[in-house]
Amino acid sequence: MEEAVAILDDAPSKADAIAAVVNALGTDEFEGETLRMLHDLSGVDHFSIYRVRGGEPRFLGGASISGQHALKAPPAKNDWPARSYAELKCAQKATEESMHAILMHDELKQMEDPALDRALEHYKIADRVVVCGKKAEDFYAIAALRSNATGEFAGTQLKSLARTADVLIAVCAKHAAMHWDKDKAAAQFGSIEKIEKNLRESDWGLSERELQVSARILFGITAYGIALDLGLGEETVATYRKRLYARLRLGGRHELLQRYLKLL
């Protein structure tokens, strides 16, 4: 019988770490498990996840070994740092020519940016890499940082991150759909008033009655309930429902829901 081939020492721990991240998808434990994997893999002390959708950057999440994260607080919508936005756009452009996620290693000491210098000094950051890639039409970037206590990334650690880049982008995109986006979408169904507000801001071109009926259908109210709520007859509600489906070229409630979700 041939001798069994020895398995590399780090293979089981790496597999276990990835499995833990996958098992945490859609839960509040995801960021902690991702940090654990990144720390075991490459000594990462802090990480942040960003997404660019439709040209708009958004901070999604992150975690820190120390519990205090340099980039944990998301910037205000109208106060996104120009440098950070430029870096994301640069990373996004770099991934357009690649079918796989890529790793970008910053030369922090060579960057002449007083604001960056102050942030690095305050949070005691020694090195940073950005794992970036596309999923569907969205761009994701994972900023992984090492503190002064752990020092700069070694070559072997950078290679480990590069080999895991596709997996990291894939799990972050999946978690975004299962957790971060789900919470945001759920808030858009919180009340009839909120749904009506979203519909008024859309380009659907509905009449006021069509909009009111549409909002109540999306809220889950039956035709009888809509009639009572709006003081209309059930046949009138059915007429408005038929009109709005025809105007939007929809086959029914399910397609209306899908159309509404695209607004969010």
C-alpha atoms as a PDB file:
ATOM      1  CA  MET A   1       0.000   0.000   0.000  1.00  0.00           C
ATOM      2  CA  GLU A   2       1.275   3.447  -0.882  1.00  0.00           C
ATOM      3  CA  GLU A   3       2.063   5.791   1.987  1.00  0.00           C
ATOM      4  CA  ALA A   4      -0.473   8.496   2.648  1.00  0.00           C
ATOM      5  CA  VAL A   5       0.598  11.936   1.513  1.00  0.00           C
ATOM      6  CA  ALA A   6       1.171  14.272   4.469  1.00  0.00           C
ATOM      7  CA  ILE A   7      -1.274  17.169   4.689  1.00  0.00           C
ATOM      8  CA  LEU A   8       0.177  20.628   5.261  1.00  0.00           C
ATOM      9  CA  ASP A   9      -0.018  21.661   8.903  1.00  0.00           C
ATOM     10  CA  ASP A  10      -2.091  24.776   8.228  1.00  0.00           C
ATOM     11  CA  ALA A  11      -4.664  23.085   5.961  1.00  0.00           C
ATOM     12  CA  PRO A  12      -7.059  21.846   8.670  1.00  0.00           C
ATOM     13  CA  SER A  13      -7.023  25.131  10.589  1.00  0.00           C
ATOM     14  CA  LYS A  14      -7.583  27.122   7.401  1.00  0.00           C
ATOM     15  CA  ALA A  15     -10.452  24.843   6.365  1.00  0.00           C
ATOM     16  CA  ASP A  16     -11.994  25.103   9.831  1.00  0.00           C
ATOM     17  CA  ALA A  17     -11.705  28.903   9.784  1.00  0.00           C
ATOM     18  CA  ILE A  18     -13.385  29.172   6.388  1.00  0.00           C
ATOM     19  CA  ALA A  19     -16.106  26.754   7.523  1.00  0.00           C
ATOM     20  CA  ALA A  20     -16.753  28.921  10.591  1.00  0.00           C
ATOM     21  CA  VAL A  21     -17.147  32.008   8.388  1.00  0.00           C
ATOM     22  CA  VAL A  22     -19.534  30.176   6.065  1.00  0.00           C
ATOM     23  CA  ASN A  23     -21.576  28.912   9.022  1.00  0.00           C
ATOM     24  CA  ALA A  24     -21.840  32.500  10.316  1.00  0.00           C
ATOM     25  CA  LEU A  25     -23.296  33.854   7.062  1.00  0.00           C
ATOM     26  CA  GLY A  26     -26.427  35.883   7.711  1.00  0.00           C
ATOM     27  CA  THR A  27     -25.746  36.184  11.461  1.00  0.00           C
ATOM     28  CA  ASP A  28     -24.217  38.781  13.782  1.00  0.00           C
ATOM     29  CA  GLU A  29     -21.225  36.467  14.279  1.00  0.00           C
ATOM     30  CA  PHE A  30     -20.012  36.866  10.691  1.00  0.00           C
ATOM     31  CA  GLU A  31     -17.687  39.820  11.275  1.00  0.00           C
ATOM     32  CA  GLY A  32     -16.089  38.205  14.325  1.00  0.00           C
ATOM     33  CA  GLU A  33     -15.503  34.901  12.543  1.00  0.00           C
ATOM     34  CA  THR A  34     -14.112  36.704   9.496  1.00  0.00           C
ATOM     35  CA  LEU A  35     -11.678  38.617  11.689  1.00  0.00           C
ATOM     36  CA  ARG A  36     -10.650  35.368  13.386  1.00  0.00           C
ATOM     37  CA  MET A  37      -9.913  33.798  10.001  1.00  0.00           C
ATOM     38  CA  LEU A  38      -7.996  36.851   8.740  1.00  0.00           C
ATOM     39  CA  HIS A  39      -5.984  37.044  11.953  1.00  0.00           C
ATOM     40  CA  ASP A  40      -5.060  33.358  11.861  1.00  0.00           C
ATOM     41  CA  LEU A  41      -4.303  33.572   8.148  1.00  0.00           C
ATOM     42  CA  SER A  42      -2.228  36.747   8.009  1.00  0.00           C
ATOM     43  CA  GLY A  43      -2.132  38.393  11.418  1.00  0.00           C
ATOM     44  CA  VAL A  44      -4.823  40.957  10.543  1.00  0.00           C
ATOM     45  CA  ASP A  45      -5.834  43.107  13.527  1.00  0.00           C
ATOM     46  CA  HIS A  46      -8.607  45.191  11.934  1.00  0.00           C
ATOM     47  CA  PHE A  47     -10.730  44.890   8.823  1.00  0.00           C
ATOM     48  CA  SER A  48     -13.497  46.835   7.095  1.00  0.00           C
ATOM     49  CA  ILE A  49     -15.839  45.892   4.261  1.00  0.00           C
ATOM     50  CA  TYR A  50     -17.019  48.398   1.661  1.00  0.00           C
ATOM     51  CA  ARG A  51     -19.292  48.162  -1.336  1.00  0.00           C
ATOM     52  CA  VAL A  52     -19.761  50.404  -4.351  1.00  0.00           C
ATOM     53  CA  ARG A  53     -23.202  50.042  -5.915  1.00  0.00           C
ATOM     54  CA  GLY A  54     -24.391  52.359  -8.653  1.00  0.00           C
ATOM     55  CA  GLY A  55     -21.351  54.570  -8.075  1.00  0.00           C
ATOM     56  CA  GLU A  56     -22.210  55.096  -4.396  1.00  0.00           C
ATOM     57  CA  PRO A  57     -19.746  53.799  -1.740  1.00  0.00           C
ATOM     58  CA  ARG A  58     -21.072  52.278   1.465  1.00  0.00           C
ATOM     59  CA  PHE A  59     -19.393  50.987   4.620  1.00  0.00           C
ATOM     60  CA  LEU A  60     -20.915  47.570   5.413  1.00  0.00           C
ATOM     61  CA  GLY A  61     -19.102  46.300   8.489  1.00  0.00           C
ATOM     62  CA  GLY A  62     -15.851  45.428  10.172  1.00  0.00           C
ATOM     63  CA  ALA A  63     -14.182  44.222  13.358  1.00  0.00           C
ATOM     64  CA  SER A  64     -11.064  44.732  15.437  1.00  0.00           C
ATOM     65  CA  ILE A  65      -8.974  42.566  17.746  1.00  0.00           C
ATOM     66  CA  SER A  66      -8.850  45.441  20.243  1.00  0.00           C
ATOM     67  CA  GLY A  67     -12.572  46.133  20.025  1.00  0.00           C
ATOM     68  CA  GLN A  68     -11.908  49.681  18.782  1.00  0.00           C
ATOM     69  CA  HIS A  69     -11.962  49.818  15.027  1.00  0.00           C
ATOM     70  CA  ALA A  70     -10.326  52.598  13.074  1.00  0.00           C
ATOM     71  CA  LEU A  71     -12.994  52.432  10.385  1.00  0.00           C
ATOM     72  CA  LYS A  72     -15.975  51.066  12.294  1.00  0.00           C
ATOM     73  CA  ALA A  73     -18.040  54.245  12.187  1.00  0.00           C
ATOM     74  CA  PRO A  74     -19.522  54.695   8.694  1.00  0.00           C
ATOM     75  CA  PRO A  75     -19.061  58.153   7.169  1.00  0.00           C
ATOM     76  CA  ALA A  76     -22.095  60.307   6.595  1.00  0.00           C
ATOM     77  CA  LYS A  77     -23.587  59.985   3.119  1.00  0.00           C
ATOM     78  CA  ASN A  78     -22.539  63.489   2.136  1.00  0.00           C
ATOM     79  CA  ASP A  79     -19.222  63.416   3.993  1.00  0.00           C
ATOM     80  CA  TRP A  80     -17.408  60.466   2.403  1.00  0.00           C
ATOM     81  CA  PRO A  81     -13.652  61.254   2.587  1.00  0.00           C
ATOM     82  CA  ALA A  82     -12.416  62.220  -0.861  1.00  0.00           C
ATOM     83  CA  ARG A  83      -9.224  60.166  -0.426  1.00  0.00           C
ATOM     84  CA  SER A  84     -11.117  57.040   0.610  1.00  0.00           C
ATOM     85  CA  TYR A  85     -13.524  57.388  -2.293  1.00  0.00           C
ATOM     86  CA  ALA A  86     -10.618  57.852  -4.723  1.00  0.00           C
ATOM     87  CA  GLU A  87      -8.944  54.731  -3.338  1.00  0.00           C
ATOM     88  CA  LEU A  88     -12.109  52.698  -3.787  1.00  0.00           C
ATOM     89  CA  LYS A  89     -12.521  53.924  -7.361  1.00  0.00           C
ATOM     90  CA  CYS A  90      -8.893  53.072  -8.094  1.00  0.00           C
ATOM     91  CA  ALA A  91      -9.329  49.567  -6.675  1.00  0.00           C
ATOM     92  CA  GLN A  92     -12.579  49.131  -8.593  1.00  0.00           C
ATOM     93  CA  LYS A  93     -10.859  50.064 -11.854  1.00  0.00           C
ATOM     94  CA  ALA A  94      -8.061  47.576 -11.171  1.00  0.00           C
ATOM     95  CA  THR A  95     -10.535  44.699 -10.799  1.00  0.00           C
ATOM     96  CA  GLU A  96     -12.318  45.421 -14.081  1.00  0.00           C
ATOM     97  CA  GLU A  97      -9.542  43.709 -16.005  1.00  0.00           C
ATOM     98  CA  SER A  98      -9.486  40.609 -13.815  1.00  0.00           C
ATOM     99  CA  MET A  99     -11.901  37.676 -13.567  1.00  0.00           C
ATOM    100  CA  HIS A 100     -10.751  37.078  -9.997  1.00  0.00           C
ATOM    101  CA  ALA A 101     -10.501  39.120  -6.838  1.00  0.00           C
ATOM    102  CA  ILE A 102      -7.163  40.880  -6.473  1.00  0.00           C
ATOM    103  CA  LEU A 103      -4.935  42.022  -3.635  1.00  0.00           C
ATOM    104  CA  MET A 104      -3.642  45.595  -3.484  1.00  0.00           C
ATOM    105  CA  HIS A 105      -0.824  46.330  -1.038  1.00  0.00           C
ATOM    106  CA  ASP A 106      -0.427  49.935   0.073  1.00  0.00           C
ATOM    107  CA  GLU A 107       2.940  51.584   0.572  1.00  0.00           C
ATOM    108  CA  LEU A 108       1.661  53.611   3.504  1.00  0.00           C
ATOM    109  CA  LYS A 109       5.008  55.192   4.303  1.00  0.00           C
ATOM    110  CA  GLN A 110       5.229  56.643   0.796  1.00  0.00           C
ATOM    111  CA  MET A 111       1.779  58.250   0.840  1.00  0.00           C
ATOM    112  CA  GLU A 112       2.027  61.991   1.392  1.00  0.00           C
ATOM    113  CA  ASP A 113      -1.302  62.555   3.104  1.00  0.00           C
ATOM    114  CA  PRO A 114      -1.410  64.362   6.479  1.00  0.00           C
ATOM    115  CA  ALA A 115      -4.935  63.089   7.233  1.00  0.00           C
ATOM    116  CA  LEU A 116      -3.855  59.500   6.556  1.00  0.00           C
ATOM    117  CA  ASP A 117      -0.712  59.954   8.658  1.00  0.00           C
ATOM    118  CA  ARG A 118      -2.752  61.194  11.613  1.00  0.00           C
ATOM    119  CA  ALA A 119      -5.171  58.263  11.340  1.00  0.00           C
ATOM    120  CA  LEU A 120      -2.350  55.723  11.111  1.00  0.00           C
ATOM    121  CA  GLU A 121      -0.606  57.250  14.112  1.00  0.00           C
ATOM    122  CA  HIS A 122      -3.787  57.463  16.197  1.00  0.00           C
ATOM    123  CA  TYR A 123      -4.832  53.863  15.544  1.00  0.00           C
ATOM    124  CA  LYS A 124      -1.225  52.588  15.451  1.00  0.00           C
ATOM    125  CA  ILE A 125      -1.557  51.009  11.988  1.00  0.00           C
ATOM    126  CA  ALA A 126       1.631  49.568  10.452  1.00  0.00           C
ATOM    127  CA  ASP A 127       0.387  48.070   7.182  1.00  0.00           C
ATOM    128  CA  ARG A 128      -2.716  47.674   5.015  1.00  0.00           C
ATOM    129  CA  VAL A 129      -3.866  45.574   2.100  1.00  0.00           C
ATOM    130  CA  VAL A 130      -7.142  45.753   0.186  1.00  0.00           C
ATOM    131  CA  VAL A 131      -8.819  42.624  -1.161  1.00  0.00           C
ATOM    132  CA  CYS A 132     -11.198  43.697  -3.914  1.00  0.00           C
ATOM    133  CA  GLY A 133     -13.429  42.125  -6.510  1.00  0.00           C
ATOM    134  CA  LYS A 134     -16.816  42.146  -8.236  1.00  0.00           C
ATOM    135  CA  LYS A 135     -19.951  40.153  -7.575  1.00  0.00           C
ATOM    136  CA  ALA A 136     -22.767  40.676 -10.062  1.00  0.00           C
ATOM    137  CA  GLU A 137     -22.849  44.457 -10.605  1.00  0.00           C
ATOM    138  CA  ASP A 138     -21.402  45.339  -7.192  1.00  0.00           C
ATOM    139  CA  PHE A 139     -17.797  46.053  -6.227  1.00  0.00           C
ATOM    140  CA  TYR A 140     -16.511  44.930  -2.828  1.00  0.00           C
ATOM    141  CA  ALA A 141     -13.346  45.977  -1.008  1.00  0.00           C
ATOM    142  CA  ILE A 142     -12.007  44.483   2.215  1.00  0.00           C
ATOM    143  CA  ALA A 143      -9.399  46.644   3.932  1.00  0.00           C
ATOM    144  CA  ALA A 144      -7.191  44.450   6.141  1.00  0.00           C
ATOM    145  CA  LEU A 145      -4.841  46.212   8.571  1.00  0.00           C
ATOM    146  CA  ARG A 146      -2.025  45.213  10.893  1.00  0.00           C
ATOM    147  CA  SER A 147      -1.081  47.212  13.966  1.00  0.00           C
ATOM    148  CA  ASN A 148       2.356  48.372  15.035  1.00  0.00           C
ATOM    149  CA  ALA A 149       2.378  45.535  17.560  1.00  0.00           C
ATOM    150  CA  THR A 150       2.234  42.884  14.825  1.00  0.00           C
ATOM    151  CA  GLY A 151       4.189  44.820  12.197  1.00  0.00           C
ATOM    152  CA  GLU A 152       3.983  44.736   8.428  1.00  0.00           C
ATOM    153  CA  PHE A 153       2.670  41.815   6.376  1.00  0.00           C
ATOM    154  CA  ALA A 154       5.211  39.148   5.494  1.00  0.00           C
ATOM    155  CA  GLY A 155       5.395  37.867   1.931  1.00  0.00           C
ATOM    156  CA  THR A 156       3.900  34.503   2.891  1.00  0.00           C
ATOM    157  CA  GLN A 157       0.985  36.233   4.618  1.00  0.00           C
ATOM    158  CA  LEU A 158       0.250  38.320   1.533  1.00  0.00           C
ATOM    159  CA  LYS A 159       0.260  35.151  -0.575  1.00  0.00           C
ATOM    160  CA  SER A 160      -2.187  33.507   1.839  1.00  0.00           C
ATOM    161  CA  LEU A 161      -4.534  36.477   1.535  1.00  0.00           C
ATOM    162  CA  ALA A 162      -4.225  36.478  -2.243  1.00  0.00           C
ATOM    163  CA  ARG A 163      -5.102  32.774  -2.435  1.00  0.00           C
ATOM    164  CA  THR A 164      -8.180  33.393  -0.287  1.00  0.00           C
ATOM    165  CA  ALA A 165      -9.279  36.589  -2.083  1.00  0.00           C
ATOM    166  CA  ASP A 166     -12.040  35.028  -4.204  1.00  0.00           C
ATOM    167  CA  VAL A 167     -13.526  33.259  -1.173  1.00  0.00           C
ATOM    168  CA  LEU A 168     -13.442  36.456   0.918  1.00  0.00           C
ATOM    169  CA  ILE A 169     -15.259  38.513  -1.722  1.00  0.00           C
ATOM    170  CA  ALA A 170     -17.811  35.731  -2.278  1.00  0.00           C
ATOM    171  CA  VAL A 171     -18.709  35.332   1.408  1.00  0.00           C
ATOM    172  CA  CYS A 172     -18.904  39.098   1.958  1.00  0.00           C
ATOM    173  CA  ALA A 173     -21.271  39.493  -0.998  1.00  0.00           C
ATOM    174  CA  LYS A 174     -23.395  36.599   0.242  1.00  0.00           C
ATOM    175  CA  HIS A 175     -23.540  37.980   3.780  1.00  0.00           C
ATOM    176  CA  ALA A 176     -24.478  41.418   2.445  1.00  0.00           C
ATOM    177  CA  ALA A 177     -27.479  39.907   0.665  1.00  0.00           C
ATOM    178  CA  MET A 178     -28.482  37.772   3.660  1.00  0.00           C
ATOM    179  CA  HIS A 179     -27.908  40.252   6.477  1.00  0.00           C
ATOM    180  CA  TRP A 180     -26.999  43.863   5.736  1.00  0.00           C
ATOM    181  CA  ASP A 181     -29.355  44.312   2.769  1.00  0.00           C
ATOM    182  CA  LYS A 182     -32.105  42.261   4.409  1.00  0.00           C
ATOM    183  CA  ASP A 183     -32.216  44.606   7.394  1.00  0.00           C
ATOM    184  CA  LYS A 184     -32.395  47.613   5.080  1.00  0.00           C
ATOM    185  CA  ALA A 185     -35.114  46.048   2.918  1.00  0.00           C
ATOM    186  CA  ALA A 186     -37.207  45.061   5.929  1.00  0.00           C
ATOM    187  CA  ALA A 187     -37.294  48.685   7.066  1.00  0.00           C
ATOM    188  CA  GLN A 188     -38.843  49.671   3.722  1.00  0.00           C
ATOM    189  CA  PHE A 189     -41.896  47.494   4.498  1.00  0.00           C
ATOM    190  CA  GLY A 190     -42.354  48.811   8.041  1.00  0.00           C
ATOM    191  CA  SER A 191     -45.498  50.830   7.370  1.00  0.00           C
ATOM    192  CA  ILE A 192     -47.908  51.768   4.597  1.00  0.00           C
ATOM    193  CA  GLU A 193     -46.702  55.357   4.891  1.00  0.00           C
ATOM    194  CA  LYS A 194     -43.095  54.293   4.255  1.00  0.00           C
ATOM    195  CA  ILE A 195     -44.077  52.258   1.190  1.00  0.00           C
ATOM    196  CA  GLU A 196     -46.191  55.139  -0.159  1.00  0.00           C
ATOM    197  CA  LYS A 197     -43.261  57.517   0.323  1.00  0.00           C
ATOM    198  CA  ASN A 198     -40.947  55.230  -1.667  1.00  0.00           C
ATOM    199  CA  LEU A 199     -43.526  54.869  -4.441  1.00  0.00           C
ATOM    200  CA  ARG A 200     -44.028  58.651  -4.669  1.00  0.00           C
ATOM    201  CA  GLU A 201     -40.277  59.063  -5.112  1.00  0.00           C
ATOM    202  CA  SER A 202     -40.227  56.466  -7.903  1.00  0.00           C
ATOM    203  CA  ASP A 203     -40.752  57.020 -11.613  1.00  0.00           C
ATOM    204  CA  TRP A 204     -43.656  54.582 -11.853  1.00  0.00           C
ATOM    205  CA  GLY A 205     -46.163  57.275 -12.807  1.00  0.00           C
ATOM    206  CA  LEU A 206     -49.043  55.883 -10.712  1.00  0.00           C
ATOM    207  CA  SER A 207     -52.153  57.871  -9.880  1.00  0.00           C
ATOM    208  CA  GLU A 208     -52.758  58.576  -6.200  1.00  0.00           C
ATOM    209  CA  ARG A 209     -55.342  55.788  -5.884  1.00  0.00           C
ATOM    210  CA  GLU A 210     -53.146  53.322  -7.781  1.00  0.00           C
ATOM    211  CA  LEU A 211     -50.280  54.241  -5.487  1.00  0.00           C
ATOM    212  CA  GLN A 212     -52.414  53.726  -2.362  1.00  0.00           C
ATOM    213  CA  VAL A 213     -53.658  50.344  -3.570  1.00  0.00           C
ATOM    214  CA  SER A 214     -50.144  49.318  -4.593  1.00  0.00           C
ATOM    215  CA  ALA A 215     -48.724  50.228  -1.177  1.00  0.00           C
ATOM    216  CA  ARG A 216     -51.372  48.178   0.607  1.00  0.00           C
ATOM    217  CA  ILE A 217     -50.801  45.177  -1.648  1.00  0.00           C
ATOM    218  CA  LEU A 218     -47.088  45.373  -0.836  1.00  0.00           C
ATOM    219  CA  PHE A 219     -47.905  45.681   2.868  1.00  0.00           C
ATOM    220  CA  GLY A 220     -49.817  42.413   2.630  1.00  0.00           C
ATOM    221  CA  ILE A 221     -53.412  43.629   2.980  1.00  0.00           C
ATOM    222  CA  THR A 222     -56.146  41.658   1.216  1.00  0.00           C
ATOM    223  CA  ALA A 223     -58.472  43.232  -1.347  1.00  0.00           C
ATOM    224  CA  TYR A 224     -61.255  43.268   1.255  1.00  0.00           C
ATOM    225  CA  GLY A 225     -58.938  44.972   3.752  1.00  0.00           C
ATOM    226  CA  ILE A 226     -57.852  47.560   1.188  1.00  0.00           C
ATOM    227  CA  ALA A 227     -61.491  48.330   0.406  1.00  0.00           C
ATOM    228  CA  LEU A 228     -62.240  48.924   4.097  1.00  0.00           C
ATOM    229  CA  ASP A 229     -59.084  50.989   4.642  1.00  0.00           C
ATOM    230  CA  LEU A 230     -59.674  53.293   1.668  1.00  0.00           C
ATOM    231  CA  GLY A 231     -63.475  53.371   1.876  1.00  0.00           C
ATOM    232  CA  LEU A 232     -63.875  51.796  -1.558  1.00  0.00           C
ATOM    233  CA  GLY A 233     -65.804  48.847  -2.928  1.00  0.00           C
ATOM    234  CA  GLU A 234     -63.935  45.608  -3.610  1.00  0.00           C
ATOM    235  CA  GLU A 235     -64.705  45.904  -7.325  1.00  0.00           C
ATOM    236  CA  THR A 236     -63.180  49.385  -7.368  1.00  0.00           C
ATOM    237  CA  VAL A 237     -60.053  48.086  -5.640  1.00  0.00           C
ATOM    238  CA  ALA A 238     -59.842  45.314  -8.244  1.00  0.00           C
ATOM    239  CA  THR A 239     -60.099  47.942 -11.009  1.00  0.00           C
ATOM    240  CA  TYR A 240     -57.248  50.015  -9.567  1.00  0.00           C
ATOM    241  CA  ARG A 241     -55.170  46.871  -9.093  1.00  0.00           C
ATOM    242  CA  LYS A 242     -55.753  45.866 -12.716  1.00  0.00           C
ATOM    243  CA  ARG A 243     -54.817  49.360 -13.900  1.00  0.00           C
ATOM    244  CA  LEU A 244     -51.567  49.554 -11.959  1.00  0.00           C
ATOM    245  CA  TYR A 245     -50.509  46.072 -13.109  1.00  0.00           C
ATOM    246  CA  ALA A 246     -51.239  47.073 -16.706  1.00  0.00           C
ATOM    247  CA  ARG A 247     -49.422  50.406 -16.358  1.00  0.00           C
ATOM    248  CA  LEU A 248     -46.321  48.665 -14.954  1.00  0.00           C
ATOM    249  CA  ARG A 249     -46.704  45.637 -17.238  1.00  0.00           C
ATOM    250  CA  LEU A 250     -46.758  43.244 -14.305  1.00  0.00           C
ATOM    251  CA  GLY A 251     -48.320  39.818 -14.029  1.00  0.00           C
ATOM    252  CA  GLY A 252     -49.312  40.031 -10.378  1.00  0.00           C
ATOM    253  CA  ARG A 253     -48.296  40.703  -6.769  1.00  0.00           C
ATOM    254  CA  HIS A 254     -45.052  38.726  -6.988  1.00  0.00           C
ATOM    255  CA  GLU A 255     -43.785  40.863  -9.884  1.00  0.00           C
ATOM    256  CA  LEU A 256     -44.938  44.007  -8.070  1.00  0.00           C
ATOM    257  CA  LEU A 257     -42.833  42.971  -5.068  1.00  0.00           C
ATOM    258  CA  GLN A 258     -39.794  42.357  -7.264  1.00  0.00           C
ATOM    259  CA  ARG A 259     -40.244  45.750  -8.918  1.00  0.00           C
ATOM    260  CA  TYR A 260     -40.503  47.471  -5.530  1.00  0.00           C
ATOM    261  CA  LEU A 261     -37.372  45.773  -4.218  1.00  0.00           C
ATOM    262  CA  LYS A 262     -35.406  47.260  -7.110  1.00  0.00           C
ATOM    263  CA  LEU A 263     -36.265  50.714  -5.773  1.00  0.00           C
ATOM    264  CA  LEU A 264     -34.531  50.048  -2.452  1.00  0.00           C
END
